């Protein structure tokens, strides 16, 4: 049996990769970074002292270790990336940047069945983000997993466009997407077309995966889906009531029971401006079809899930808005129980 095997976000979790904030570096805010984060007016004046950065990184690592320990107590094997110096320069052709972090494996790696795919991310600073995971990828490959990399993008300025309303959109010059644009539901994958995923990326993914899978294009939010929609178990969704209504739920899922969440708590942020909205509090991690890990501060979300019969495990996470990623972003499930099947 392959070392990698995961078809959904809700099967019983057996092995997971948890990211790391160690070595975090601030890359230049170029066109690709502005396109993703849409920084506020005056962002150029942001100054983060070394002491503040060290404190925020240490607190994040403490919270991630608590997450890892909690998962371990639940019988889940937890893996971590190799340490890396993320301040080193990277560049291709006409652009240069520095790396950023190895905090969010959900963004740069996509697990589909028994295969791990390194995805073609649109932010230049994230060009080498899979490298701290390469030893793990080699281990999984030696253990029988498939290991693919999407076409490496050139990331010219022309990729970063805006529609008539001023909303960031990606061009269709080359396949571009983050793995966090995708919701996995057995044979069906829901792919969010947004400022972090274009239609060419969806076409590449569908053609690469072949007839065993169906890739559905959706457009439910501006970037990653983990703060807008989760599949908790077959037949049950968690949805962001501030962004969606019943008509905006992807059509194949409209018959599922929907838990509407509308009360995210603001955890604050440690840098000059937040890299995520308060909806990052909805970025949860399912351990199985009945058990969900939730940020400790999100009491309203915990009560909503408990009212629907789920067991909620609160875990502290202080810097979701600081870095722009919660428990789902900062982890990558590589083994879950379950077979390839259709839930629709």
C-alpha atoms as a PDB file:
ATOM      1  CA  UNK A   1       0.000   0.000   0.000  1.00  0.00           C
ATOM      2  CA  UNK A   2       1.256   3.487  -0.839  1.00  0.00           C
ATOM      3  CA  UNK A   3       2.708   5.690   1.910  1.00  0.00           C
ATOM      4  CA  UNK A   4       0.318   8.394   0.685  1.00  0.00           C
ATOM      5  CA  UNK A   5      -3.416   7.755   0.473  1.00  0.00           C
ATOM      6  CA  UNK A   6      -6.054  10.442   1.036  1.00  0.00           C
ATOM      7  CA  UNK A   7      -9.190  11.108  -0.986  1.00  0.00           C
ATOM      8  CA  UNK A   8     -11.118  13.549   1.242  1.00  0.00           C
ATOM      9  CA  UNK A   9     -10.708  16.123   3.993  1.00  0.00           C
ATOM     10  CA  UNK A  10     -12.874  14.131   6.423  1.00  0.00           C
ATOM     11  CA  UNK A  11     -11.744  10.472   6.432  1.00  0.00           C
ATOM     12  CA  UNK A  12     -10.093   9.188   9.624  1.00  0.00           C
ATOM     13  CA  UNK A  13      -6.721  10.932   9.792  1.00  0.00           C
ATOM     14  CA  UNK A  14      -3.661   8.668  10.023  1.00  0.00           C
ATOM     15  CA  UNK A  15      -0.665  10.796   8.988  1.00  0.00           C
ATOM     16  CA  UNK A  16      -0.243  14.532   8.530  1.00  0.00           C
ATOM     17  CA  UNK A  17       2.450  17.095   7.796  1.00  0.00           C
ATOM     18  CA  UNK A  18       2.406  20.197  10.012  1.00  0.00           C
ATOM     19  CA  UNK A  19       4.277  23.241   8.742  1.00  0.00           C
ATOM     20  CA  UNK A  20       6.754  25.482  10.548  1.00  0.00           C
ATOM     21  CA  UNK A  21       7.173  29.242  10.981  1.00  0.00           C
ATOM     22  CA  UNK A  22      10.880  28.882  11.775  1.00  0.00           C
ATOM     23  CA  UNK A  23      13.061  31.007   9.512  1.00  0.00           C
ATOM     24  CA  UNK A  24      10.123  33.178   8.388  1.00  0.00           C
ATOM     25  CA  UNK A  25      11.273  35.989   6.115  1.00  0.00           C
ATOM     26  CA  UNK A  26       9.508  39.047   4.685  1.00  0.00           C
ATOM     27  CA  UNK A  27       9.803  38.919   0.888  1.00  0.00           C
ATOM     28  CA  UNK A  28       9.508  42.051  -1.244  1.00  0.00           C
ATOM     29  CA  UNK A  29       5.907  43.046  -1.909  1.00  0.00           C
ATOM     30  CA  UNK A  30       5.974  42.795  -5.694  1.00  0.00           C
ATOM     31  CA  UNK A  31       3.068  42.555  -8.136  1.00  0.00           C
ATOM     32  CA  UNK A  32       2.485  38.896  -7.326  1.00  0.00           C
ATOM     33  CA  UNK A  33       2.378  39.542  -3.571  1.00  0.00           C
ATOM     34  CA  UNK A  34       0.052  42.543  -3.951  1.00  0.00           C
ATOM     35  CA  UNK A  35      -2.208  40.396  -6.098  1.00  0.00           C
ATOM     36  CA  UNK A  36      -2.579  37.798  -3.362  1.00  0.00           C
ATOM     37  CA  UNK A  37      -2.690  39.885  -0.184  1.00  0.00           C
ATOM     38  CA  UNK A  38      -4.061  43.211  -1.468  1.00  0.00           C
ATOM     39  CA  UNK A  39      -2.061  45.125   1.177  1.00  0.00           C
ATOM     40  CA  UNK A  40      -3.596  48.270   2.695  1.00  0.00           C
ATOM     41  CA  UNK A  41      -2.647  51.834   1.871  1.00  0.00           C
ATOM     42  CA  UNK A  42       0.621  52.679   3.577  1.00  0.00           C
ATOM     43  CA  UNK A  43       1.879  49.082   3.673  1.00  0.00           C
ATOM     44  CA  UNK A  44       5.328  50.359   2.693  1.00  0.00           C
ATOM     45  CA  UNK A  45       5.748  51.829   6.173  1.00  0.00           C
ATOM     46  CA  UNK A  46       5.362  48.488   7.958  1.00  0.00           C
ATOM     47  CA  UNK A  47       8.293  47.885  10.291  1.00  0.00           C
ATOM     48  CA  UNK A  48       8.539  44.671  12.286  1.00  0.00           C
ATOM     49  CA  UNK A  49      11.319  44.604  14.847  1.00  0.00           C
ATOM     50  CA  UNK A  50      13.512  41.504  15.187  1.00  0.00           C
ATOM     51  CA  UNK A  51      12.172  41.012  18.722  1.00  0.00           C
ATOM     52  CA  UNK A  52       8.559  41.101  17.523  1.00  0.00           C
ATOM     53  CA  UNK A  53       9.272  38.680  14.699  1.00  0.00           C
ATOM     54  CA  UNK A  54      11.094  36.310  17.057  1.00  0.00           C
ATOM     55  CA  UNK A  55       8.199  36.416  19.542  1.00  0.00           C
ATOM     56  CA  UNK A  56       5.532  35.803  16.895  1.00  0.00           C
ATOM     57  CA  UNK A  57       7.489  32.914  15.366  1.00  0.00           C
ATOM     58  CA  UNK A  58       8.085  31.371  18.803  1.00  0.00           C
ATOM     59  CA  UNK A  59       4.404  31.649  19.741  1.00  0.00           C
ATOM     60  CA  UNK A  60       3.362  30.129  16.430  1.00  0.00           C
ATOM     61  CA  UNK A  61       5.788  27.238  16.848  1.00  0.00           C
ATOM     62  CA  UNK A  62       4.464  26.684  20.370  1.00  0.00           C
ATOM     63  CA  UNK A  63       0.887  26.532  19.056  1.00  0.00           C
ATOM     64  CA  UNK A  64       1.862  24.233  16.180  1.00  0.00           C
ATOM     65  CA  UNK A  65       3.625  21.925  18.628  1.00  0.00           C
ATOM     66  CA  UNK A  66       0.435  21.825  20.692  1.00  0.00           C
ATOM     67  CA  UNK A  67      -1.445  20.908  17.515  1.00  0.00           C
ATOM     68  CA  UNK A  68       1.112  18.181  16.764  1.00  0.00           C
ATOM     69  CA  UNK A  69       0.911  16.825  20.319  1.00  0.00           C
ATOM     70  CA  UNK A  70      -2.901  16.815  20.185  1.00  0.00           C
ATOM     71  CA  UNK A  71      -2.869  14.914  16.902  1.00  0.00           C
ATOM     72  CA  UNK A  72      -0.312  12.466  18.292  1.00  0.00           C
ATOM     73  CA  UNK A  73      -2.556  11.752  21.279  1.00  0.00           C
ATOM     74  CA  UNK A  74      -5.317  10.947  18.778  1.00  0.00           C
ATOM     75  CA  UNK A  75      -3.104   8.333  17.104  1.00  0.00           C
ATOM     76  CA  UNK A  76      -2.053  10.462  14.131  1.00  0.00           C
ATOM     77  CA  UNK A  77       1.536  10.349  12.899  1.00  0.00           C
ATOM     78  CA  UNK A  78       2.851  13.925  12.571  1.00  0.00           C
ATOM     79  CA  UNK A  79       5.667  14.961  10.233  1.00  0.00           C
ATOM     80  CA  UNK A  80       7.456  18.335   9.959  1.00  0.00           C
ATOM     81  CA  UNK A  81       9.487  20.058   7.203  1.00  0.00           C
ATOM     82  CA  UNK A  82      13.260  20.438   7.251  1.00  0.00           C
ATOM     83  CA  UNK A  83      14.620  23.733   8.627  1.00  0.00           C
ATOM     84  CA  UNK A  84      15.445  26.289   5.936  1.00  0.00           C
ATOM     85  CA  UNK A  85      16.800  29.808   5.557  1.00  0.00           C
ATOM     86  CA  UNK A  86      13.911  31.577   3.877  1.00  0.00           C
ATOM     87  CA  UNK A  87      15.793  34.847   3.413  1.00  0.00           C
ATOM     88  CA  UNK A  88      17.852  33.466   0.537  1.00  0.00           C
ATOM     89  CA  UNK A  89      17.246  35.060  -2.878  1.00  0.00           C
ATOM     90  CA  UNK A  90      15.349  33.292  -5.639  1.00  0.00           C
ATOM     91  CA  UNK A  91      14.726  34.447  -9.176  1.00  0.00           C
ATOM     92  CA  UNK A  92      13.706  33.365 -12.651  1.00  0.00           C
ATOM     93  CA  UNK A  93      14.361  35.312 -15.852  1.00  0.00           C
ATOM     94  CA  UNK A  94      13.055  38.858 -15.271  1.00  0.00           C
ATOM     95  CA  UNK A  95      12.125  38.739 -11.592  1.00  0.00           C
ATOM     96  CA  UNK A  96      13.804  38.260  -8.229  1.00  0.00           C
ATOM     97  CA  UNK A  97      12.435  37.706  -4.729  1.00  0.00           C
ATOM     98  CA  UNK A  98      13.231  35.884  -1.517  1.00  0.00           C
ATOM     99  CA  UNK A  99      11.525  32.863  -0.035  1.00  0.00           C
ATOM    100  CA  UNK A 100       8.881  33.308   2.659  1.00  0.00           C
ATOM    101  CA  UNK A 101       8.252  30.281   4.925  1.00  0.00           C
ATOM    102  CA  UNK A 102       7.449  26.572   5.146  1.00  0.00           C
ATOM    103  CA  UNK A 103       4.364  27.210   7.232  1.00  0.00           C
ATOM    104  CA  UNK A 104       1.542  26.140   4.918  1.00  0.00           C
ATOM    105  CA  UNK A 105       2.024  22.798   3.143  1.00  0.00           C
ATOM    106  CA  UNK A 106      -1.694  22.862   2.207  1.00  0.00           C
ATOM    107  CA  UNK A 107      -0.930  25.694  -0.209  1.00  0.00           C
ATOM    108  CA  UNK A 108       2.009  24.219  -2.099  1.00  0.00           C
ATOM    109  CA  UNK A 109       1.262  20.468  -2.091  1.00  0.00           C
ATOM    110  CA  UNK A 110      -1.877  18.668  -3.252  1.00  0.00           C
ATOM    111  CA  UNK A 111      -2.602  15.078  -2.206  1.00  0.00           C
ATOM    112  CA  UNK A 112      -4.979  13.262  -4.546  1.00  0.00           C
ATOM    113  CA  UNK A 113      -5.330   9.594  -3.711  1.00  0.00           C
ATOM    114  CA  UNK A 114      -1.854   8.058  -3.687  1.00  0.00           C
ATOM    115  CA  UNK A 115      -0.149  10.977  -5.444  1.00  0.00           C
ATOM    116  CA  UNK A 116       1.410  14.211  -4.187  1.00  0.00           C
ATOM    117  CA  UNK A 117       1.497  17.116  -6.644  1.00  0.00           C
ATOM    118  CA  UNK A 118       3.766  20.157  -6.326  1.00  0.00           C
ATOM    119  CA  UNK A 119       1.484  22.913  -7.578  1.00  0.00           C
ATOM    120  CA  UNK A 120       2.323  25.981  -9.744  1.00  0.00           C
ATOM    121  CA  UNK A 121       1.830  28.827  -7.260  1.00  0.00           C
ATOM    122  CA  UNK A 122       1.312  32.376  -8.509  1.00  0.00           C
ATOM    123  CA  UNK A 123       3.244  34.252  -5.786  1.00  0.00           C
ATOM    124  CA  UNK A 124       6.904  34.537  -6.742  1.00  0.00           C
ATOM    125  CA  UNK A 125       8.170  34.356  -3.161  1.00  0.00           C
ATOM    126  CA  UNK A 126       6.582  30.892  -2.921  1.00  0.00           C
ATOM    127  CA  UNK A 127       8.403  29.496  -5.966  1.00  0.00           C
ATOM    128  CA  UNK A 128      10.591  27.157  -3.888  1.00  0.00           C
ATOM    129  CA  UNK A 129       8.178  26.550  -1.026  1.00  0.00           C
ATOM    130  CA  UNK A 130       8.090  22.786  -1.546  1.00  0.00           C
ATOM    131  CA  UNK A 131      11.860  22.440  -1.079  1.00  0.00           C
ATOM    132  CA  UNK A 132      11.793  22.041   2.748  1.00  0.00           C
ATOM    133  CA  UNK A 133       9.413  19.095   2.159  1.00  0.00           C
ATOM    134  CA  UNK A 134      11.574  17.367  -0.440  1.00  0.00           C
ATOM    135  CA  UNK A 135      13.042  14.747   1.937  1.00  0.00           C
ATOM    136  CA  UNK A 136       9.518  13.810   2.980  1.00  0.00           C
ATOM    137  CA  UNK A 137       8.421  13.674  -0.653  1.00  0.00           C
ATOM    138  CA  UNK A 138      11.320  11.376  -1.466  1.00  0.00           C
ATOM    139  CA  UNK A 139      10.394   9.172   1.501  1.00  0.00           C
ATOM    140  CA  UNK A 140       6.788   8.993   0.318  1.00  0.00           C
ATOM    141  CA  UNK A 141       7.937   8.237  -3.229  1.00  0.00           C
ATOM    142  CA  UNK A 142      10.159   5.424  -1.947  1.00  0.00           C
ATOM    143  CA  UNK A 143       7.071   4.187  -0.088  1.00  0.00           C
ATOM    144  CA  UNK A 144       5.127   3.777  -3.315  1.00  0.00           C
ATOM    145  CA  UNK A 145       3.477   7.195  -3.679  1.00  0.00           C
ATOM    146  CA  UNK A 146       3.193   9.047  -6.955  1.00  0.00           C
ATOM    147  CA  UNK A 147       5.137  12.334  -7.051  1.00  0.00           C
ATOM    148  CA  UNK A 148       4.322  14.928  -9.701  1.00  0.00           C
ATOM    149  CA  UNK A 149       5.165  18.572 -10.289  1.00  0.00           C
ATOM    150  CA  UNK A 150       3.003  20.867 -12.381  1.00  0.00           C
ATOM    151  CA  UNK A 151       4.688  22.864 -15.159  1.00  0.00           C
ATOM    152  CA  UNK A 152       7.001  25.350 -13.444  1.00  0.00           C
ATOM    153  CA  UNK A 153       5.556  28.804 -14.191  1.00  0.00           C
ATOM    154  CA  UNK A 154       7.587  31.744 -15.489  1.00  0.00           C
ATOM    155  CA  UNK A 155       5.433  34.278 -13.556  1.00  0.00           C
ATOM    156  CA  UNK A 156       5.771  37.331 -15.815  1.00  0.00           C
ATOM    157  CA  UNK A 157       4.074  40.612 -14.882  1.00  0.00           C
ATOM    158  CA  UNK A 158       1.321  39.866 -17.409  1.00  0.00           C
ATOM    159  CA  UNK A 159      -0.069  37.170 -15.113  1.00  0.00           C
ATOM    160  CA  UNK A 160      -1.319  39.719 -12.588  1.00  0.00           C
ATOM    161  CA  UNK A 161      -4.407  41.473 -13.907  1.00  0.00           C
ATOM    162  CA  UNK A 162      -7.526  43.193 -12.562  1.00  0.00           C
ATOM    163  CA  UNK A 163     -11.115  43.120 -13.783  1.00  0.00           C
ATOM    164  CA  UNK A 164     -13.342  46.142 -14.385  1.00  0.00           C
ATOM    165  CA  UNK A 165     -14.210  46.300 -10.684  1.00  0.00           C
ATOM    166  CA  UNK A 166     -10.542  46.295  -9.681  1.00  0.00           C
ATOM    167  CA  UNK A 167     -10.623  42.710  -8.404  1.00  0.00           C
ATOM    168  CA  UNK A 168      -7.379  40.740  -8.869  1.00  0.00           C
ATOM    169  CA  UNK A 169      -7.588  38.030 -11.530  1.00  0.00           C
ATOM    170  CA  UNK A 170      -4.955  35.780 -13.066  1.00  0.00           C
ATOM    171  CA  UNK A 171      -4.259  35.652 -16.769  1.00  0.00           C
ATOM    172  CA  UNK A 172      -4.453  32.377 -18.689  1.00  0.00           C
ATOM    173  CA  UNK A 173      -0.828  32.491 -19.914  1.00  0.00           C
ATOM    174  CA  UNK A 174       0.224  29.387 -17.954  1.00  0.00           C
ATOM    175  CA  UNK A 175      -1.319  26.957 -15.445  1.00  0.00           C
ATOM    176  CA  UNK A 176      -1.427  28.601 -12.012  1.00  0.00           C
ATOM    177  CA  UNK A 177      -3.056  27.432  -8.791  1.00  0.00           C
ATOM    178  CA  UNK A 178      -2.497  26.882  -5.088  1.00  0.00           C
ATOM    179  CA  UNK A 179      -3.496  23.510  -3.689  1.00  0.00           C
ATOM    180  CA  UNK A 180      -5.620  25.340  -1.096  1.00  0.00           C
ATOM    181  CA  UNK A 181      -7.962  26.338  -3.935  1.00  0.00           C
ATOM    182  CA  UNK A 182      -9.218  22.762  -4.004  1.00  0.00           C
ATOM    183  CA  UNK A 183     -11.807  20.854  -1.953  1.00  0.00           C
ATOM    184  CA  UNK A 184     -11.440  17.067  -2.190  1.00  0.00           C
ATOM    185  CA  UNK A 185     -14.544  14.893  -2.147  1.00  0.00           C
ATOM    186  CA  UNK A 186     -13.539  11.434  -3.369  1.00  0.00           C
ATOM    187  CA  UNK A 187     -13.842  11.307  -7.153  1.00  0.00           C
ATOM    188  CA  UNK A 188     -14.892  14.965  -7.206  1.00  0.00           C
ATOM    189  CA  UNK A 189     -12.563  17.905  -6.747  1.00  0.00           C
ATOM    190  CA  UNK A 190     -13.937  21.447  -6.473  1.00  0.00           C
ATOM    191  CA  UNK A 191     -11.459  23.976  -7.886  1.00  0.00           C
ATOM    192  CA  UNK A 192     -11.904  27.650  -6.979  1.00  0.00           C
ATOM    193  CA  UNK A 193     -11.119  29.933  -9.914  1.00  0.00           C
ATOM    194  CA  UNK A 194      -9.738  33.058  -8.240  1.00  0.00           C
ATOM    195  CA  UNK A 195      -6.674  35.236  -7.818  1.00  0.00           C
ATOM    196  CA  UNK A 196      -4.764  32.080  -6.828  1.00  0.00           C
ATOM    197  CA  UNK A 197      -6.066  29.698  -9.484  1.00  0.00           C
ATOM    198  CA  UNK A 198      -6.840  30.129 -13.180  1.00  0.00           C
ATOM    199  CA  UNK A 199      -8.902  27.985 -15.536  1.00  0.00           C
ATOM    200  CA  UNK A 200      -5.817  26.705 -17.299  1.00  0.00           C
ATOM    201  CA  UNK A 201      -4.695  25.267 -13.975  1.00  0.00           C
ATOM    202  CA  UNK A 202      -8.033  23.491 -13.602  1.00  0.00           C
ATOM    203  CA  UNK A 203      -7.700  22.082 -17.126  1.00  0.00           C
ATOM    204  CA  UNK A 204      -4.150  20.865 -16.438  1.00  0.00           C
ATOM    205  CA  UNK A 205      -5.258  19.190 -13.207  1.00  0.00           C
ATOM    206  CA  UNK A 206      -8.277  17.496 -14.812  1.00  0.00           C
ATOM    207  CA  UNK A 207      -6.231  16.170 -17.706  1.00  0.00           C
ATOM    208  CA  UNK A 208      -3.420  15.001 -15.421  1.00  0.00           C
ATOM    209  CA  UNK A 209      -5.738  13.131 -13.042  1.00  0.00           C
ATOM    210  CA  UNK A 210      -7.669  11.479 -15.858  1.00  0.00           C
ATOM    211  CA  UNK A 211     -11.049   9.791 -15.882  1.00  0.00           C
ATOM    212  CA  UNK A 212     -10.974   8.594 -12.247  1.00  0.00           C
ATOM    213  CA  UNK A 213     -11.677  12.160 -11.080  1.00  0.00           C
ATOM    214  CA  UNK A 214     -14.019  15.011 -11.947  1.00  0.00           C
ATOM    215  CA  UNK A 215     -12.712  18.568 -11.532  1.00  0.00           C
ATOM    216  CA  UNK A 216     -15.518  21.087 -11.006  1.00  0.00           C
ATOM    217  CA  UNK A 217     -14.754  24.771 -11.509  1.00  0.00           C
ATOM    218  CA  UNK A 218     -16.324  26.967  -8.825  1.00  0.00           C
ATOM    219  CA  UNK A 219     -15.945  30.636  -7.828  1.00  0.00           C
ATOM    220  CA  UNK A 220     -16.929  31.077  -4.184  1.00  0.00           C
ATOM    221  CA  UNK A 221     -14.233  33.462  -2.869  1.00  0.00           C
ATOM    222  CA  UNK A 222     -11.233  35.499  -3.945  1.00  0.00           C
ATOM    223  CA  UNK A 223      -8.515  32.984  -3.099  1.00  0.00           C
ATOM    224  CA  UNK A 224      -8.271  29.836  -0.934  1.00  0.00           C
ATOM    225  CA  UNK A 225     -11.431  27.963   0.036  1.00  0.00           C
ATOM    226  CA  UNK A 226     -10.542  27.047   3.642  1.00  0.00           C
ATOM    227  CA  UNK A 227     -12.158  30.186   5.066  1.00  0.00           C
ATOM    228  CA  UNK A 228     -15.323  29.811   2.998  1.00  0.00           C
ATOM    229  CA  UNK A 229     -16.396  26.154   2.724  1.00  0.00           C
ATOM    230  CA  UNK A 230     -15.525  22.830   4.385  1.00  0.00           C
ATOM    231  CA  UNK A 231     -16.896  19.330   3.801  1.00  0.00           C
ATOM    232  CA  UNK A 232     -17.250  17.982   7.333  1.00  0.00           C
ATOM    233  CA  UNK A 233     -18.539  14.540   6.361  1.00  0.00           C
ATOM    234  CA  UNK A 234     -20.707  13.104   3.596  1.00  0.00           C
ATOM    235  CA  UNK A 235     -23.865  15.182   3.503  1.00  0.00           C
ATOM    236  CA  UNK A 236     -22.720  17.990   5.845  1.00  0.00           C
ATOM    237  CA  UNK A 237     -21.037  21.325   4.983  1.00  0.00           C
ATOM    238  CA  UNK A 238     -19.673  24.222   7.010  1.00  0.00           C
ATOM    239  CA  UNK A 239     -20.204  27.470   5.093  1.00  0.00           C
ATOM    240  CA  UNK A 240     -19.229  31.111   5.535  1.00  0.00           C
ATOM    241  CA  UNK A 241     -22.494  33.041   5.896  1.00  0.00           C
ATOM    242  CA  UNK A 242     -20.722  36.316   5.186  1.00  0.00           C
ATOM    243  CA  UNK A 243     -19.664  35.223   1.687  1.00  0.00           C
ATOM    244  CA  UNK A 244     -22.141  32.574   0.599  1.00  0.00           C
ATOM    245  CA  UNK A 245     -25.826  31.894   0.441  1.00  0.00           C
ATOM    246  CA  UNK A 246     -27.611  28.735  -0.663  1.00  0.00           C
ATOM    247  CA  UNK A 247     -27.462  29.722  -4.326  1.00  0.00           C
ATOM    248  CA  UNK A 248     -23.679  30.152  -4.172  1.00  0.00           C
ATOM    249  CA  UNK A 249     -23.010  26.699  -2.736  1.00  0.00           C
ATOM    250  CA  UNK A 250     -21.518  24.604  -5.566  1.00  0.00           C
ATOM    251  CA  UNK A 251     -24.479  23.010  -7.337  1.00  0.00           C
ATOM    252  CA  UNK A 252     -23.513  19.333  -6.698  1.00  0.00           C
ATOM    253  CA  UNK A 253     -23.398  20.072  -2.939  1.00  0.00           C
ATOM    254  CA  UNK A 254     -26.667  22.003  -2.550  1.00  0.00           C
ATOM    255  CA  UNK A 255     -28.526  18.953  -1.284  1.00  0.00           C
ATOM    256  CA  UNK A 256     -26.143  18.594   1.668  1.00  0.00           C
ATOM    257  CA  UNK A 257     -27.002  19.934   5.117  1.00  0.00           C
ATOM    258  CA  UNK A 258     -25.261  23.277   5.615  1.00  0.00           C
ATOM    259  CA  UNK A 259     -24.044  24.693   8.932  1.00  0.00           C
ATOM    260  CA  UNK A 260     -23.925  28.470   8.439  1.00  0.00           C
ATOM    261  CA  UNK A 261     -21.169  30.238  10.393  1.00  0.00           C
ATOM    262  CA  UNK A 262     -21.354  34.011  10.800  1.00  0.00           C
ATOM    263  CA  UNK A 263     -19.478  34.930  13.993  1.00  0.00           C
ATOM    264  CA  UNK A 264     -15.667  34.690  13.652  1.00  0.00           C
ATOM    265  CA  UNK A 265     -13.709  36.075  16.590  1.00  0.00           C
ATOM    266  CA  UNK A 266     -10.850  38.470  15.886  1.00  0.00           C
ATOM    267  CA  UNK A 267      -7.578  37.047  17.246  1.00  0.00           C
ATOM    268  CA  UNK A 268      -5.673  40.184  16.262  1.00  0.00           C
ATOM    269  CA  UNK A 269      -2.346  40.157  14.454  1.00  0.00           C
ATOM    270  CA  UNK A 270       1.299  40.613  15.310  1.00  0.00           C
ATOM    271  CA  UNK A 271       2.645  42.573  12.330  1.00  0.00           C
ATOM    272  CA  UNK A 272       1.739  45.993  10.947  1.00  0.00           C
ATOM    273  CA  UNK A 273      -1.213  44.716   8.907  1.00  0.00           C
ATOM    274  CA  UNK A 274      -3.046  41.369   8.832  1.00  0.00           C
ATOM    275  CA  UNK A 275      -2.447  38.814   6.073  1.00  0.00           C
ATOM    276  CA  UNK A 276      -5.954  37.382   6.543  1.00  0.00           C
ATOM    277  CA  UNK A 277      -9.428  38.484   7.577  1.00  0.00           C
ATOM    278  CA  UNK A 278     -11.152  37.360  10.759  1.00  0.00           C
ATOM    279  CA  UNK A 279     -12.589  34.488   8.710  1.00  0.00           C
ATOM    280  CA  UNK A 280      -9.268  32.682   9.168  1.00  0.00           C
ATOM    281  CA  UNK A 281     -10.891  31.509  12.419  1.00  0.00           C
ATOM    282  CA  UNK A 282     -12.992  29.174  10.255  1.00  0.00           C
ATOM    283  CA  UNK A 283      -9.828  27.400   9.045  1.00  0.00           C
ATOM    284  CA  UNK A 284     -10.401  24.102  10.851  1.00  0.00           C
ATOM    285  CA  UNK A 285      -8.984  20.581  10.621  1.00  0.00           C
ATOM    286  CA  UNK A 286     -11.136  17.436  10.624  1.00  0.00           C
ATOM    287  CA  UNK A 287      -9.671  14.400  12.388  1.00  0.00           C
ATOM    288  CA  UNK A 288     -12.514  12.169  11.236  1.00  0.00           C
ATOM    289  CA  UNK A 289     -16.195  12.450  10.357  1.00  0.00           C
ATOM    290  CA  UNK A 290     -17.139  13.240  13.957  1.00  0.00           C
ATOM    291  CA  UNK A 291     -14.127  15.149  15.350  1.00  0.00           C
ATOM    292  CA  UNK A 292     -12.908  18.638  14.422  1.00  0.00           C
ATOM    293  CA  UNK A 293      -9.953  20.706  15.674  1.00  0.00           C
ATOM    294  CA  UNK A 294     -10.947  24.365  16.038  1.00  0.00           C
ATOM    295  CA  UNK A 295      -8.925  27.450  17.071  1.00  0.00           C
ATOM    296  CA  UNK A 296      -9.394  27.886  20.796  1.00  0.00           C
ATOM    297  CA  UNK A 297     -10.696  31.457  20.511  1.00  0.00           C
ATOM    298  CA  UNK A 298     -13.553  30.488  18.164  1.00  0.00           C
ATOM    299  CA  UNK A 299     -16.233  29.745  20.777  1.00  0.00           C
ATOM    300  CA  UNK A 300     -19.104  30.459  18.391  1.00  0.00           C
ATOM    301  CA  UNK A 301     -17.784  28.024  15.822  1.00  0.00           C
ATOM    302  CA  UNK A 302     -17.253  25.363  18.484  1.00  0.00           C
ATOM    303  CA  UNK A 303     -20.841  25.735  19.705  1.00  0.00           C
ATOM    304  CA  UNK A 304     -22.191  25.529  16.149  1.00  0.00           C
ATOM    305  CA  UNK A 305     -20.302  22.313  15.459  1.00  0.00           C
ATOM    306  CA  UNK A 306     -21.221  20.783  18.818  1.00  0.00           C
ATOM    307  CA  UNK A 307     -24.892  21.575  18.205  1.00  0.00           C
ATOM    308  CA  UNK A 308     -24.632  19.475  15.035  1.00  0.00           C
ATOM    309  CA  UNK A 309     -23.189  16.521  16.957  1.00  0.00           C
ATOM    310  CA  UNK A 310     -19.471  16.986  16.307  1.00  0.00           C
ATOM    311  CA  UNK A 311     -16.790  16.554  18.944  1.00  0.00           C
ATOM    312  CA  UNK A 312     -14.762  19.768  19.033  1.00  0.00           C
ATOM    313  CA  UNK A 313     -11.143  19.882  20.187  1.00  0.00           C
ATOM    314  CA  UNK A 314     -10.001  23.470  20.866  1.00  0.00           C
ATOM    315  CA  UNK A 315      -6.315  24.164  20.277  1.00  0.00           C
ATOM    316  CA  UNK A 316      -4.662  27.573  20.741  1.00  0.00           C
ATOM    317  CA  UNK A 317      -3.569  29.399  17.602  1.00  0.00           C
ATOM    318  CA  UNK A 318      -2.646  33.046  18.062  1.00  0.00           C
ATOM    319  CA  UNK A 319      -1.352  34.115  14.691  1.00  0.00           C
ATOM    320  CA  UNK A 320      -3.733  32.997  11.969  1.00  0.00           C
ATOM    321  CA  UNK A 321      -4.290  36.590  10.846  1.00  0.00           C
ATOM    322  CA  UNK A 322      -0.619  37.461  11.300  1.00  0.00           C
ATOM    323  CA  UNK A 323       0.580  34.905   8.763  1.00  0.00           C
ATOM    324  CA  UNK A 324      -2.608  34.343   6.766  1.00  0.00           C
ATOM    325  CA  UNK A 325      -3.165  30.682   7.582  1.00  0.00           C
ATOM    326  CA  UNK A 326      -4.969  28.530  10.147  1.00  0.00           C
ATOM    327  CA  UNK A 327      -4.935  24.839  11.061  1.00  0.00           C
ATOM    328  CA  UNK A 328      -6.112  23.653   7.643  1.00  0.00           C
ATOM    329  CA  UNK A 329      -3.549  25.823   5.821  1.00  0.00           C
ATOM    330  CA  UNK A 330      -0.702  24.799   8.121  1.00  0.00           C
ATOM    331  CA  UNK A 331      -1.206  21.063   7.640  1.00  0.00           C
ATOM    332  CA  UNK A 332      -1.337  18.483   4.863  1.00  0.00           C
ATOM    333  CA  UNK A 333      -3.071  15.176   5.420  1.00  0.00           C
ATOM    334  CA  UNK A 334      -1.157  12.453   3.587  1.00  0.00           C
ATOM    335  CA  UNK A 335      -3.027   9.434   4.907  1.00  0.00           C
ATOM    336  CA  UNK A 336      -6.733   9.139   5.699  1.00  0.00           C
ATOM    337  CA  UNK A 337      -8.923   6.059   5.871  1.00  0.00           C
ATOM    338  CA  UNK A 338     -11.282   5.541   2.976  1.00  0.00           C
ATOM    339  CA  UNK A 339     -11.426   4.404  -0.623  1.00  0.00           C
ATOM    340  CA  UNK A 340     -11.852   6.217  -3.912  1.00  0.00           C
ATOM    341  CA  UNK A 341     -15.588   6.622  -4.274  1.00  0.00           C
ATOM    342  CA  UNK A 342     -18.231   9.155  -5.246  1.00  0.00           C
ATOM    343  CA  UNK A 343     -20.035  11.038  -2.475  1.00  0.00           C
ATOM    344  CA  UNK A 344     -22.332  12.916  -4.843  1.00  0.00           C
END
